[in-house]
Amino acid sequence: MKYVWEHLEEFFIIPLMFAMSIIIFIQVIMRYVFQNSLTWSEELARYMFVWLVYFAVSFTARREKHIRIDAAINLYPKKIRPYIEILSEIIVLAFSIFIAITGVTVFQKITWSGQISPAIGLPMQFVYAAPLVGFVLTAIRQIECIIKRIKNLNKPEEVSKV
């Protein structure tokens, strides 16, 4: 179970990227070799990409590789940098929670509207669930990261070897 939790995002990212690449490749072959295009492929690839992006947000949060400005953090004295990093993680957590709450509202409205996609007839709530799921996972990953950083506050900083 621990392995699954540690690699949860990869279980979705890898198949999504593979399937999306295959679908786009087939569409290119159909369009340029057979002079005929598939009506559903671009839409499905787009929705897969949306899900891929939101799982990638959670993945980067778990790996602590999300976008931040290291130059700004390096402006602070070394003694308070860990606290600044925790503060930045808390800000990302707050943003993640805000987007997840907003995602619930959007998901409910789309579900209520009964909107379906034009080419494949997919209920759009499945597409609009991506930000909700992605940012709930991101918030969980941020909490894990904050806890880890707090636990490491009293540990001496490792000296990097150059």
N, C-alpha and C. Protein backbone atom coordinates (compact mmCIF):
# COMPACT_ATOMS: atom_id res chain seq x y z
N MET A 1 0.82 -1.19 0.00
CA MET A 1 0.00 0.00 0.00
C MET A 1 0.86 1.26 0.00
N LYS A 2 1.99 1.21 0.73
CA LYS A 2 2.89 2.36 0.78
C LYS A 2 3.45 2.66 -0.61
N TYR A 3 3.80 1.61 -1.35
CA TYR A 3 4.31 1.78 -2.70
C TYR A 3 3.28 2.46 -3.60
N VAL A 4 2.04 2.02 -3.49
CA VAL A 4 0.97 2.60 -4.30
C VAL A 4 0.81 4.08 -3.96
N TRP A 5 0.81 4.42 -2.66
CA TRP A 5 0.65 5.82 -2.27
C TRP A 5 1.83 6.67 -2.76
N GLU A 6 3.04 6.12 -2.69
CA GLU A 6 4.22 6.88 -3.11
C GLU A 6 4.27 7.09 -4.62
N HIS A 7 3.59 6.25 -5.38
CA HIS A 7 3.64 6.33 -6.84
C HIS A 7 2.25 6.52 -7.45
N LEU A 8 1.32 7.02 -6.70
CA LEU A 8 -0.06 7.14 -7.15
C LEU A 8 -0.18 7.95 -8.43
N GLU A 9 0.45 9.10 -8.46
CA GLU A 9 0.35 9.95 -9.64
C GLU A 9 0.94 9.27 -10.88
N GLU A 10 2.03 8.55 -10.71
CA GLU A 10 2.64 7.88 -11.86
C GLU A 10 1.74 6.81 -12.46
N PHE A 11 0.90 6.18 -11.62
CA PHE A 11 -0.04 5.18 -12.12
C PHE A 11 -1.06 5.78 -13.08
N PHE A 12 -1.25 7.08 -12.98
CA PHE A 12 -2.16 7.77 -13.90
C PHE A 12 -1.41 8.50 -15.00
N ILE A 13 -0.30 9.14 -14.65
CA ILE A 13 0.44 9.95 -15.62
C ILE A 13 0.98 9.10 -16.77
N ILE A 14 1.59 7.98 -16.47
CA ILE A 14 2.23 7.16 -17.51
C ILE A 14 1.21 6.61 -18.50
N PRO A 15 0.12 5.96 -18.04
CA PRO A 15 -0.86 5.48 -19.02
C PRO A 15 -1.53 6.61 -19.81
N LEU A 16 -1.80 7.74 -19.13
CA LEU A 16 -2.41 8.86 -19.85
C LEU A 16 -1.49 9.38 -20.94
N MET A 17 -0.20 9.53 -20.63
CA MET A 17 0.74 10.02 -21.62
C MET A 17 0.89 9.03 -22.78
N PHE A 18 0.94 7.75 -22.45
CA PHE A 18 1.07 6.72 -23.48
C PHE A 18 -0.15 6.71 -24.39
N ALA A 19 -1.34 6.66 -23.79
CA ALA A 19 -2.58 6.61 -24.59
C ALA A 19 -2.76 7.87 -25.41
N MET A 20 -2.46 9.01 -24.82
CA MET A 20 -2.59 10.27 -25.54
C MET A 20 -1.65 10.31 -26.74
N SER A 21 -0.43 9.85 -26.56
CA SER A 21 0.54 9.82 -27.67
C SER A 21 0.08 8.89 -28.79
N ILE A 22 -0.45 7.73 -28.42
CA ILE A 22 -0.95 6.77 -29.42
C ILE A 22 -2.12 7.37 -30.19
N ILE A 23 -3.06 7.98 -29.47
CA ILE A 23 -4.23 8.57 -30.12
C ILE A 23 -3.83 9.68 -31.09
N ILE A 24 -2.91 10.53 -30.67
CA ILE A 24 -2.46 11.62 -31.54
C ILE A 24 -1.70 11.07 -32.74
N PHE A 25 -0.89 10.04 -32.52
CA PHE A 25 -0.16 9.42 -33.63
C PHE A 25 -1.13 8.82 -34.65
N ILE A 26 -2.14 8.13 -34.17
CA ILE A 26 -3.15 7.54 -35.08
C ILE A 26 -3.87 8.65 -35.85
N GLN A 27 -4.18 9.74 -35.16
CA GLN A 27 -4.85 10.86 -35.83
C GLN A 27 -3.97 11.44 -36.94
N VAL A 28 -2.69 11.59 -36.68
CA VAL A 28 -1.77 12.12 -37.71
C VAL A 28 -1.71 11.17 -38.90
N ILE A 29 -1.60 9.88 -38.65
CA ILE A 29 -1.57 8.89 -39.73
C ILE A 29 -2.86 8.94 -40.53
N MET A 30 -3.99 8.98 -39.82
CA MET A 30 -5.28 9.03 -40.52
C MET A 30 -5.39 10.28 -41.40
N ARG A 31 -4.93 11.41 -40.88
CA ARG A 31 -5.09 12.67 -41.59
C ARG A 31 -4.16 12.77 -42.81
N TYR A 32 -2.90 12.40 -42.64
CA TYR A 32 -1.93 12.64 -43.71
C TYR A 32 -1.72 11.44 -44.63
N VAL A 33 -1.98 10.24 -44.15
CA VAL A 33 -1.80 9.07 -45.00
C VAL A 33 -3.12 8.68 -45.67
N PHE A 34 -4.18 8.64 -44.89
CA PHE A 34 -5.47 8.20 -45.41
C PHE A 34 -6.40 9.35 -45.82
N GLN A 35 -5.94 10.59 -45.65
CA GLN A 35 -6.72 11.78 -46.01
C GLN A 35 -8.10 11.79 -45.36
N ASN A 36 -8.15 11.26 -44.15
CA ASN A 36 -9.40 11.19 -43.41
C ASN A 36 -9.08 11.40 -41.94
N SER A 37 -9.89 12.15 -41.25
CA SER A 37 -9.55 12.37 -39.85
C SER A 37 -10.61 11.78 -38.94
N LEU A 38 -10.18 11.41 -37.75
CA LEU A 38 -11.09 10.86 -36.75
C LEU A 38 -11.79 12.01 -36.04
N THR A 39 -13.06 11.87 -35.79
CA THR A 39 -13.81 12.95 -35.17
C THR A 39 -13.59 13.03 -33.66
N TRP A 40 -13.20 11.96 -33.06
CA TRP A 40 -13.13 11.89 -31.59
C TRP A 40 -11.74 12.02 -31.02
N SER A 41 -10.70 11.83 -31.82
CA SER A 41 -9.35 11.69 -31.28
C SER A 41 -8.81 12.96 -30.61
N GLU A 42 -9.00 14.10 -31.25
CA GLU A 42 -8.46 15.33 -30.67
C GLU A 42 -9.15 15.69 -29.36
N GLU A 43 -10.44 15.48 -29.31
CA GLU A 43 -11.18 15.78 -28.08
C GLU A 43 -10.74 14.87 -26.95
N LEU A 44 -10.63 13.58 -27.23
CA LEU A 44 -10.21 12.64 -26.19
C LEU A 44 -8.79 12.95 -25.73
N ALA A 45 -7.88 13.23 -26.67
CA ALA A 45 -6.50 13.57 -26.31
C ALA A 45 -6.46 14.84 -25.45
N ARG A 46 -7.29 15.80 -25.77
CA ARG A 46 -7.34 17.04 -24.99
C ARG A 46 -7.78 16.76 -23.55
N TYR A 47 -8.80 15.95 -23.38
CA TYR A 47 -9.29 15.64 -22.04
C TYR A 47 -8.27 14.82 -21.26
N MET A 48 -7.58 13.93 -21.94
CA MET A 48 -6.52 13.16 -21.29
C MET A 48 -5.39 14.10 -20.85
N PHE A 49 -5.08 15.08 -21.67
CA PHE A 49 -4.04 16.04 -21.34
C PHE A 49 -4.44 16.86 -20.11
N VAL A 50 -5.70 17.23 -20.02
CA VAL A 50 -6.17 17.97 -18.85
C VAL A 50 -5.93 17.16 -17.58
N TRP A 51 -6.32 15.89 -17.61
CA TRP A 51 -6.10 15.03 -16.44
C TRP A 51 -4.61 14.86 -16.16
N LEU A 52 -3.82 14.71 -17.21
CA LEU A 52 -2.38 14.56 -17.07
C LEU A 52 -1.78 15.77 -16.35
N VAL A 53 -2.19 16.96 -16.72
CA VAL A 53 -1.66 18.18 -16.12
C VAL A 53 -1.98 18.23 -14.63
N TYR A 54 -3.20 17.91 -14.25
CA TYR A 54 -3.56 18.00 -12.83
C TYR A 54 -2.90 16.92 -11.99
N PHE A 55 -2.68 15.74 -12.54
CA PHE A 55 -1.89 14.74 -11.82
C PHE A 55 -0.43 15.17 -11.73
N ALA A 56 0.06 15.85 -12.75
CA ALA A 56 1.44 16.33 -12.73
C ALA A 56 1.65 17.40 -11.66
N VAL A 57 0.63 18.22 -11.41
CA VAL A 57 0.73 19.22 -10.33
C VAL A 57 0.95 18.51 -9.00
N SER A 58 0.17 17.47 -8.75
CA SER A 58 0.32 16.70 -7.51
C SER A 58 1.68 16.00 -7.47
N PHE A 59 2.09 15.46 -8.61
CA PHE A 59 3.39 14.78 -8.71
C PHE A 59 4.53 15.71 -8.34
N THR A 60 4.51 16.92 -8.88
CA THR A 60 5.58 17.87 -8.57
C THR A 60 5.54 18.31 -7.11
N ALA A 61 4.34 18.40 -6.54
CA ALA A 61 4.24 18.74 -5.12
C ALA A 61 4.84 17.62 -4.26
N ARG A 62 4.58 16.39 -4.63
CA ARG A 62 5.13 15.25 -3.87
C ARG A 62 6.65 15.23 -3.96
N ARG A 63 7.18 15.55 -5.11
CA ARG A 63 8.64 15.54 -5.32
C ARG A 63 9.29 16.86 -4.90
N GLU A 64 8.47 17.79 -4.43
CA GLU A 64 8.93 19.12 -4.02
C GLU A 64 9.67 19.82 -5.15
N LYS A 65 9.12 19.71 -6.35
CA LYS A 65 9.72 20.31 -7.54
C LYS A 65 8.81 21.35 -8.18
N HIS A 66 7.79 21.81 -7.44
CA HIS A 66 6.91 22.80 -8.03
C HIS A 66 7.66 24.13 -8.21
N ILE A 67 7.09 24.98 -8.99
CA ILE A 67 7.74 26.24 -9.33
C ILE A 67 7.87 27.11 -8.09
N ARG A 68 9.06 27.58 -7.88
CA ARG A 68 9.31 28.55 -6.84
C ARG A 68 10.56 29.32 -7.23
N ILE A 69 10.75 30.42 -6.60
CA ILE A 69 11.89 31.26 -6.95
C ILE A 69 12.98 31.06 -5.91
N ASP A 70 13.95 30.21 -6.23
CA ASP A 70 15.03 29.91 -5.30
C ASP A 70 15.88 31.14 -5.02
N ALA A 71 16.01 32.01 -6.00
CA ALA A 71 16.80 33.22 -5.80
C ALA A 71 16.22 34.06 -4.67
N ALA A 72 14.90 34.13 -4.60
CA ALA A 72 14.26 34.90 -3.53
C ALA A 72 14.50 34.24 -2.17
N ILE A 73 14.43 32.93 -2.12
CA ILE A 73 14.67 32.21 -0.87
C ILE A 73 16.11 32.39 -0.43
N ASN A 74 17.02 32.42 -1.39
CA ASN A 74 18.45 32.57 -1.07
C ASN A 74 18.80 33.97 -0.58
N LEU A 75 17.91 34.92 -0.71
CA LEU A 75 18.15 36.26 -0.19
C LEU A 75 18.11 36.29 1.34
N TYR A 76 17.41 35.33 1.93
CA TYR A 76 17.26 35.29 3.38
C TYR A 76 18.47 34.61 4.02
N PRO A 77 18.76 34.96 5.26
CA PRO A 77 19.85 34.27 5.97
C PRO A 77 19.55 32.77 6.08
N LYS A 78 20.62 31.97 6.10
CA LYS A 78 20.47 30.51 6.11
C LYS A 78 19.63 30.02 7.30
N LYS A 79 19.69 30.72 8.41
CA LYS A 79 18.96 30.27 9.60
C LYS A 79 17.45 30.35 9.42
N ILE A 80 16.96 31.30 8.63
CA ILE A 80 15.50 31.42 8.50
C ILE A 80 14.98 30.83 7.18
N ARG A 81 15.85 30.38 6.32
CA ARG A 81 15.41 29.78 5.05
C ARG A 81 14.44 28.62 5.23
N PRO A 82 14.71 27.71 6.17
CA PRO A 82 13.74 26.61 6.34
C PRO A 82 12.34 27.11 6.69
N TYR A 83 12.26 28.18 7.45
CA TYR A 83 10.96 28.75 7.82
C TYR A 83 10.28 29.42 6.62
N ILE A 84 11.08 30.06 5.80
CA ILE A 84 10.55 30.68 4.57
C ILE A 84 10.03 29.59 3.64
N GLU A 85 10.75 28.47 3.55
CA GLU A 85 10.32 27.37 2.70
C GLU A 85 9.01 26.77 3.22
N ILE A 86 8.89 26.65 4.54
CA ILE A 86 7.63 26.15 5.12
C ILE A 86 6.50 27.14 4.80
N LEU A 87 6.78 28.42 4.92
CA LEU A 87 5.78 29.43 4.59
C LEU A 87 5.36 29.32 3.13
N SER A 88 6.31 29.11 2.23
CA SER A 88 5.96 28.96 0.81
C SER A 88 5.13 27.70 0.58
N GLU A 89 5.42 26.64 1.29
CA GLU A 89 4.63 25.41 1.18
C GLU A 89 3.20 25.63 1.70
N ILE A 90 3.07 26.42 2.76
CA ILE A 90 1.74 26.74 3.31
C ILE A 90 0.95 27.57 2.30
N ILE A 91 1.62 28.48 1.61
CA ILE A 91 0.94 29.28 0.59
C ILE A 91 0.44 28.39 -0.54
N VAL A 92 1.27 27.44 -0.98
CA VAL A 92 0.85 26.51 -2.03
C VAL A 92 -0.31 25.64 -1.52
N LEU A 93 -0.26 25.24 -0.26
CA LEU A 93 -1.36 24.46 0.34
C LEU A 93 -2.65 25.27 0.32
N ALA A 94 -2.58 26.53 0.72
CA ALA A 94 -3.78 27.38 0.72
C ALA A 94 -4.34 27.53 -0.69
N PHE A 95 -3.46 27.71 -1.66
CA PHE A 95 -3.90 27.82 -3.06
C PHE A 95 -4.56 26.52 -3.51
N SER A 96 -3.96 25.39 -3.14
CA SER A 96 -4.51 24.08 -3.52
C SER A 96 -5.90 23.87 -2.93
N ILE A 97 -6.07 24.25 -1.68
CA ILE A 97 -7.37 24.11 -1.04
C ILE A 97 -8.39 25.02 -1.71
N PHE A 98 -7.98 26.25 -2.02
CA PHE A 98 -8.88 27.18 -2.70
C PHE A 98 -9.34 26.62 -4.05
N ILE A 99 -8.40 26.09 -4.85
CA ILE A 99 -8.76 25.54 -6.16
C ILE A 99 -9.63 24.29 -6.00
N ALA A 100 -9.34 23.47 -4.99
CA ALA A 100 -10.16 22.27 -4.76
C ALA A 100 -11.59 22.65 -4.40
N ILE A 101 -11.76 23.65 -3.54
CA ILE A 101 -13.10 24.10 -3.16
C ILE A 101 -13.82 24.68 -4.38
N THR A 102 -13.11 25.49 -5.15
CA THR A 102 -13.68 26.04 -6.38
C THR A 102 -14.03 24.91 -7.34
N GLY A 103 -13.18 23.87 -7.39
CA GLY A 103 -13.43 22.72 -8.25
C GLY A 103 -14.69 21.98 -7.88
N VAL A 104 -15.00 21.92 -6.59
CA VAL A 104 -16.25 21.28 -6.15
C VAL A 104 -17.45 22.03 -6.71
N THR A 105 -17.39 23.36 -6.61
CA THR A 105 -18.49 24.19 -7.11
C THR A 105 -18.68 24.01 -8.61
N VAL A 106 -17.58 24.08 -9.35
CA VAL A 106 -17.66 23.92 -10.81
C VAL A 106 -18.16 22.53 -11.17
N PHE A 107 -17.64 21.51 -10.49
CA PHE A 107 -18.06 20.14 -10.74
C PHE A 107 -19.56 19.98 -10.52
N GLN A 108 -20.07 20.55 -9.44
CA GLN A 108 -21.50 20.45 -9.14
C GLN A 108 -22.34 21.15 -10.22
N LYS A 109 -21.90 22.32 -10.66
CA LYS A 109 -22.65 23.06 -11.68
C LYS A 109 -22.66 22.31 -13.01
N ILE A 110 -21.52 21.74 -13.39
CA ILE A 110 -21.45 20.99 -14.65
C ILE A 110 -22.29 19.72 -14.56
N THR A 111 -22.23 19.05 -13.41
CA THR A 111 -23.04 17.84 -13.21
C THR A 111 -24.52 18.18 -13.32
N TRP A 112 -24.92 19.27 -12.68
CA TRP A 112 -26.31 19.71 -12.70
C TRP A 112 -26.77 20.07 -14.11
N SER A 113 -25.86 20.66 -14.91
CA SER A 113 -26.24 21.09 -16.27
C SER A 113 -26.40 19.91 -17.23
N GLY A 114 -25.75 18.79 -16.92
CA GLY A 114 -25.85 17.63 -17.80
C GLY A 114 -25.09 17.78 -19.10
N GLN A 115 -24.15 18.69 -19.13
CA GLN A 115 -23.38 18.97 -20.35
C GLN A 115 -22.56 17.75 -20.77
N ILE A 116 -22.54 17.48 -22.08
CA ILE A 116 -21.73 16.39 -22.62
C ILE A 116 -20.81 16.95 -23.70
N SER A 117 -19.71 16.25 -23.93
CA SER A 117 -18.76 16.70 -24.94
C SER A 117 -19.34 16.46 -26.33
N PRO A 118 -18.98 17.30 -27.31
CA PRO A 118 -19.62 17.20 -28.62
C PRO A 118 -19.23 15.97 -29.44
N ALA A 119 -17.97 15.58 -29.42
CA ALA A 119 -17.52 14.51 -30.32
C ALA A 119 -17.72 13.11 -29.75
N ILE A 120 -17.41 12.93 -28.48
CA ILE A 120 -17.49 11.57 -27.93
C ILE A 120 -18.65 11.36 -26.97
N GLY A 121 -19.37 12.43 -26.64
CA GLY A 121 -20.53 12.30 -25.77
C GLY A 121 -20.19 12.01 -24.32
N LEU A 122 -18.99 12.38 -23.90
CA LEU A 122 -18.56 12.15 -22.53
C LEU A 122 -19.21 13.18 -21.60
N PRO A 123 -19.80 12.74 -20.50
CA PRO A 123 -20.33 13.73 -19.55
C PRO A 123 -19.19 14.63 -19.06
N MET A 124 -19.38 15.93 -19.17
CA MET A 124 -18.30 16.88 -18.90
C MET A 124 -17.89 16.93 -17.44
N GLN A 125 -18.70 16.39 -16.54
CA GLN A 125 -18.26 16.39 -15.14
C GLN A 125 -17.00 15.55 -14.96
N PHE A 126 -16.77 14.58 -15.84
CA PHE A 126 -15.54 13.79 -15.74
C PHE A 126 -14.32 14.64 -16.09
N VAL A 127 -14.49 15.55 -17.01
CA VAL A 127 -13.38 16.44 -17.37
C VAL A 127 -13.18 17.48 -16.27
N TYR A 128 -14.27 18.04 -15.77
CA TYR A 128 -14.19 19.08 -14.75
C TYR A 128 -13.85 18.53 -13.37
N ALA A 129 -13.79 17.23 -13.22
CA ALA A 129 -13.35 16.63 -11.97
C ALA A 129 -11.83 16.66 -11.85
N ALA A 130 -11.13 16.86 -12.95
CA ALA A 130 -9.67 16.84 -12.95
C ALA A 130 -9.05 17.87 -12.00
N PRO A 131 -9.46 19.15 -12.04
CA PRO A 131 -8.86 20.09 -11.09
C PRO A 131 -9.19 19.74 -9.64
N LEU A 132 -10.39 19.26 -9.42
CA LEU A 132 -10.79 18.88 -8.07
C LEU A 132 -9.89 17.75 -7.55
N VAL A 133 -9.78 16.68 -8.31
CA VAL A 133 -8.97 15.54 -7.90
C VAL A 133 -7.49 15.94 -7.80
N GLY A 134 -7.01 16.65 -8.81
CA GLY A 134 -5.60 17.04 -8.83
C GLY A 134 -5.21 17.91 -7.65
N PHE A 135 -6.04 18.88 -7.32
CA PHE A 135 -5.67 19.79 -6.24
C PHE A 135 -5.99 19.22 -4.85
N VAL A 136 -6.91 18.28 -4.74
CA VAL A 136 -7.06 17.57 -3.46
C VAL A 136 -5.80 16.75 -3.21
N LEU A 137 -5.33 16.05 -4.23
CA LEU A 137 -4.07 15.30 -4.09
C LEU A 137 -2.90 16.25 -3.80
N THR A 138 -2.87 17.39 -4.47
CA THR A 138 -1.80 18.36 -4.24
C THR A 138 -1.83 18.85 -2.80
N ALA A 139 -3.02 19.13 -2.28
CA ALA A 139 -3.13 19.59 -0.89
C ALA A 139 -2.61 18.52 0.07
N ILE A 140 -2.95 17.27 -0.20
CA ILE A 140 -2.46 16.17 0.65
C ILE A 140 -0.94 16.09 0.57
N ARG A 141 -0.41 16.20 -0.64
CA ARG A 141 1.06 16.14 -0.81
C ARG A 141 1.73 17.33 -0.12
N GLN A 142 1.10 18.50 -0.16
CA GLN A 142 1.66 19.67 0.50
C GLN A 142 1.68 19.48 2.02
N ILE A 143 0.63 18.91 2.56
CA ILE A 143 0.59 18.63 4.00
C ILE A 143 1.72 17.69 4.37
N GLU A 144 1.92 16.64 3.58
CA GLU A 144 3.03 15.72 3.82
C GLU A 144 4.37 16.45 3.79
N CYS A 145 4.53 17.33 2.83
CA CYS A 145 5.77 18.08 2.68
C CYS A 145 5.99 19.01 3.87
N ILE A 146 4.95 19.70 4.31
CA ILE A 146 5.07 20.61 5.44
C ILE A 146 5.45 19.85 6.70
N ILE A 147 4.82 18.70 6.92
CA ILE A 147 5.15 17.87 8.09
C ILE A 147 6.61 17.44 8.03
N LYS A 148 7.05 17.01 6.85
CA LYS A 148 8.44 16.58 6.71
C LYS A 148 9.41 17.73 6.97
N ARG A 149 9.09 18.91 6.46
CA ARG A 149 9.96 20.07 6.68
C ARG A 149 9.99 20.48 8.15
N ILE A 150 8.86 20.40 8.84
CA ILE A 150 8.82 20.73 10.26
C ILE A 150 9.65 19.73 11.06
N LYS A 151 9.55 18.46 10.71
CA LYS A 151 10.34 17.44 11.40
C LYS A 151 11.84 17.64 11.18
N ASN A 152 12.21 18.18 10.03
CA ASN A 152 13.63 18.37 9.69
C ASN A 152 14.19 19.71 10.17
N LEU A 153 13.39 20.52 10.84
CA LEU A 153 13.87 21.83 11.28
C LEU A 153 15.07 21.74 12.23
N ASN A 154 15.04 20.80 13.14
CA ASN A 154 16.10 20.70 14.14
C ASN A 154 17.29 19.86 13.70
N LYS A 155 17.18 19.27 12.52
CA LYS A 155 18.29 18.45 12.02
C LYS A 155 19.31 19.36 11.35
N PRO A 156 20.58 19.05 11.49
CA PRO A 156 21.59 19.89 10.83
C PRO A 156 21.48 19.75 9.32
N GLU A 157 21.72 20.85 8.63
CA GLU A 157 21.65 20.85 7.19
C GLU A 157 22.80 20.05 6.59
N GLU A 158 22.47 19.21 5.60
CA GLU A 158 23.50 18.41 4.96
C GLU A 158 24.41 19.29 4.12
N VAL A 159 25.68 19.03 4.21
CA VAL A 159 26.63 19.80 3.42
C VAL A 159 26.73 19.16 2.05
N SER A 160 26.46 19.96 1.04
CA SER A 160 26.53 19.40 -0.32
C SER A 160 27.98 19.31 -0.76
N LYS A 161 28.27 18.22 -1.45
CA LYS A 161 29.63 17.99 -1.95
C LYS A 161 29.73 18.53 -3.36
N VAL A 162 30.74 19.33 -3.59
CA VAL A 162 30.93 19.95 -4.92
C VAL A 162 32.06 19.28 -5.63
